Amino acid sequence: MTVAEIGLGLQSDKRAGDYARLARRAEEHGFDVLSVFGDLMYQPPIFPLLEMAAATARVRLGPACLNPYSAAPYEIAGQVAALDL
């Protein structure tokens, strides 16, 4: 029998520090998967995922969507800035 998993998707519109807190709370409440949306005009999901990875031990993490055709220079700059932060 397959066990159902519950996931939670987050928008990448939070401040630094918020993702770790949200990820810890989600893990404490039994969520199995956390994903971050990579919507245009929001920060790329890489920074939130890195922050959540440092704050959790059990949940699986991943981007909800990555669009290779939208990797314009401003998006690449946003990802570099997120990694720098």
Protein backbone atom coordinates (compact mmCIF):
# COMPACT_ATOMS: atom_id res chain seq x y z
CA MET A 1 0.00 0.00 0.00
CA THR A 2 1.34 3.43 -0.94
CA VAL A 3 1.41 6.07 1.77
CA ALA A 4 0.07 9.47 0.74
CA GLU A 5 2.41 12.43 1.06
CA ILE A 6 1.38 16.00 1.72
CA GLY A 7 3.23 18.90 0.15
CA LEU A 8 3.19 22.66 0.52
CA GLY A 9 4.05 25.21 -2.16
CA LEU A 10 5.42 28.62 -1.28
CA GLN A 11 5.71 31.79 -3.33
CA SER A 12 9.18 33.33 -3.40
CA ASP A 13 8.02 36.70 -2.10
CA LYS A 14 9.22 36.41 1.49
CA ARG A 15 12.20 38.05 3.21
CA ALA A 16 15.40 36.24 4.11
CA GLY A 17 14.82 34.32 7.33
CA ASP A 18 11.12 33.74 6.68
CA TYR A 19 11.70 30.59 4.63
CA ALA A 20 13.66 28.82 7.37
CA ARG A 21 10.92 29.57 9.90
CA LEU A 22 8.16 28.42 7.54
CA ALA A 23 10.06 25.25 6.60
CA ARG A 24 10.65 24.30 10.23
CA ARG A 25 6.97 24.82 11.02
CA ALA A 26 5.87 22.79 8.00
CA GLU A 27 8.22 19.96 8.97
CA GLU A 28 6.98 20.06 12.57
CA HIS A 29 3.39 19.79 11.30
CA GLY A 30 4.18 16.70 9.23
CA PHE A 31 4.49 18.00 5.68
CA ASP A 32 6.57 15.71 3.48
CA VAL A 33 7.43 18.01 0.57
CA LEU A 34 8.10 21.75 0.28
CA SER A 35 8.36 23.48 -3.06
CA VAL A 36 8.90 27.07 -4.13
CA PHE A 37 7.30 28.59 -7.19
CA GLY A 38 9.62 30.12 -9.78
CA ASP A 39 7.13 32.69 -11.10
CA LEU A 40 8.31 35.58 -13.21
CA MET A 41 8.97 38.87 -11.43
CA TYR A 42 9.56 37.14 -8.09
CA GLN A 43 12.94 36.07 -6.75
CA PRO A 44 14.18 32.74 -8.10
CA PRO A 45 13.48 29.68 -5.94
CA ILE A 46 17.16 28.86 -5.36
CA PHE A 47 17.59 31.11 -2.30
CA PRO A 48 14.42 29.99 -0.50
CA LEU A 49 15.32 26.34 -1.16
CA LEU A 50 18.84 26.81 0.21
CA GLU A 51 17.49 28.49 3.32
CA MET A 52 14.90 25.77 3.85
CA ALA A 53 17.50 23.01 3.34
CA ALA A 54 19.62 24.46 6.14
CA ALA A 55 16.61 24.54 8.48
CA THR A 56 15.08 21.09 7.87
CA ALA A 57 16.11 17.46 8.19
CA ARG A 58 13.31 15.33 6.75
CA VAL A 59 11.24 17.12 4.10
CA ARG A 60 12.03 16.89 0.40
CA LEU A 61 12.64 20.23 -1.29
CA GLY A 62 12.43 21.39 -4.88
CA PRO A 63 11.30 24.13 -7.24
CA ALA A 64 7.67 23.94 -8.31
CA CYS A 65 8.60 25.21 -11.77
CA LEU A 66 11.73 26.33 -13.56
CA ASN A 67 11.34 27.81 -17.03
CA PRO A 68 14.59 27.59 -19.02
CA TYR A 69 13.19 29.97 -21.64
CA SER A 70 12.78 32.77 -19.13
CA ALA A 71 16.38 32.78 -17.94
CA ALA A 72 16.88 36.35 -19.04
CA PRO A 73 19.92 38.26 -17.77
CA TYR A 74 17.88 39.90 -15.00
CA GLU A 75 16.79 36.45 -13.75
CA ILE A 76 20.34 35.17 -13.76
CA ALA A 77 21.42 38.29 -11.87
CA GLY A 78 18.66 37.64 -9.34
CA GLN A 79 19.88 34.09 -8.78
CA VAL A 80 23.47 35.27 -8.31
CA ALA A 81 22.28 37.94 -5.85
CA ALA A 82 20.29 35.31 -3.94
CA LEU A 83 23.31 33.04 -3.67
CA ASP A 84 25.46 35.99 -2.55
CA LEU A 85 22.96 36.85 0.18
